[in-house]
Protein backbone atom coordinates (compact mmCIF):
# COMPACT_ATOMS: atom_id res chain seq x y z
CA MET A 1 26.17 -6.79 -1.33
CA ALA A 2 22.57 -6.55 -2.49
CA LYS A 3 19.65 -7.51 -0.39
CA SER A 4 18.77 -11.27 -0.84
CA GLU A 5 15.51 -11.18 1.07
CA ILE A 6 12.09 -9.66 0.35
CA PHE A 7 8.92 -9.59 2.38
CA VAL A 8 5.25 -9.42 1.52
CA ILE A 9 3.21 -6.88 3.48
CA ALA A 10 -0.47 -6.38 3.79
CA TYR A 11 -1.73 -2.91 4.65
CA ARG A 12 -5.10 -1.32 5.33
CA LEU A 13 -5.80 2.15 4.20
CA GLU A 14 -8.78 4.11 5.45
CA ALA A 15 -9.76 7.42 3.91
CA TYR A 16 -11.58 10.02 6.02
CA ASN A 17 -12.94 12.73 3.72
CA ASN A 18 -12.14 12.26 0.11
CA TYR A 19 -13.77 8.94 -0.79
CA ASP A 20 -13.88 9.73 -4.47
CA ALA A 21 -10.05 9.73 -4.52
CA LEU A 22 -9.88 6.01 -3.68
CA ASP A 23 -10.31 4.94 -7.34
CA GLY A 24 -7.44 7.27 -8.43
CA PHE A 25 -5.26 5.97 -5.59
CA MET A 26 -6.00 2.42 -6.56
CA GLU A 27 -5.03 3.25 -10.18
CA ALA A 28 -1.78 4.83 -9.07
CA ILE A 29 -0.51 1.86 -7.11
CA CYS A 30 -1.94 -1.01 -9.16
CA ASP A 31 1.35 -1.59 -10.99
CA TYR A 32 3.06 -2.23 -7.65
CA ALA A 33 0.46 -3.97 -5.47
CA ILE A 34 -2.70 -6.03 -5.33
CA VAL A 35 -5.48 -3.76 -4.09
CA SER A 36 -8.94 -4.79 -2.87
CA LYS A 37 -11.60 -2.22 -2.10
CA GLU A 38 -13.31 -3.44 1.18
CA THR A 39 -15.77 -0.58 1.62
CA ASP A 40 -16.38 2.96 0.21
CA TYR A 41 -13.59 4.18 2.47
CA ALA A 42 -11.17 1.29 3.11
CA LEU A 43 -8.66 -0.64 0.94
CA THR A 44 -6.49 -3.70 1.51
CA VAL A 45 -3.17 -3.36 -0.17
CA VAL A 46 -0.68 -6.35 -0.54
CA ALA A 47 2.73 -5.86 -1.98
CA SER A 48 6.37 -7.00 -1.78
CA SER A 49 8.74 -4.81 0.18
CA GLU A 50 10.81 -4.34 -2.96
CA ALA A 51 7.89 -3.08 -5.10
CA LEU A 52 6.14 -0.82 -2.68
CA SER A 53 7.68 0.42 0.53
CA THR A 54 5.59 1.88 3.41
CA SER A 55 7.00 5.38 2.66
CA ARG A 56 6.13 5.19 -1.03
CA LEU A 57 2.64 4.07 -0.04
CA ALA A 58 2.26 6.95 2.37
CA ASN A 59 3.60 9.47 -0.12
CA THR A 60 1.11 8.36 -2.75
CA ALA A 61 -1.78 8.44 -0.18
CA TYR A 62 -0.67 11.98 0.81
CA LYS A 63 -1.11 13.12 -2.80
CA TYR A 64 -4.62 11.74 -3.02
CA PHE A 65 -6.02 12.31 0.53
CA GLY A 66 -3.99 15.09 2.04
CA LYS A 67 -2.12 15.25 5.35
CA GLU A 68 -4.80 14.05 7.65
CA GLY A 69 -7.22 12.38 5.27
CA TYR A 70 -6.11 8.83 5.73
CA THR A 71 -4.50 6.18 7.97
CA ILE A 72 -2.40 3.26 7.00
CA SER A 73 -2.14 0.13 9.21
CA THR A 74 0.04 -2.88 8.75
CA LEU A 75 -2.13 -6.04 8.78
CA GLY A 76 0.61 -8.54 8.36
CA LEU A 77 4.10 -9.47 7.24
CA LEU A 78 5.13 -12.64 5.38
CA GLY A 79 8.76 -13.66 4.90
CA PRO A 80 11.62 -13.34 4.51
CA PHE A 81 11.62 -14.93 1.07
CA LYS A 82 14.86 -15.54 -0.80
CA LYS A 83 15.15 -13.20 -3.73
CA PHE A 84 16.18 -14.71 -7.04
CA ASN A 85 17.93 -12.57 -9.57
């Protein structure tokens, strides 16, 4: 049986060293999430659990910022919402 619920999750990503990579990172996930640049080093990312999982977000951040160049915090979780096919 397929999942019938989805959630909306808000994340905060902070970059430590490679601030220039933020624009590339935003471009990489813009098809899956709503992204708002808060400062030169921080983003707010809002996405459904179906479109962008935490692990996918972390893997993409790893590509752009390296192993210890970022942190991801969960700001909030909305749902569950009924998924319509």
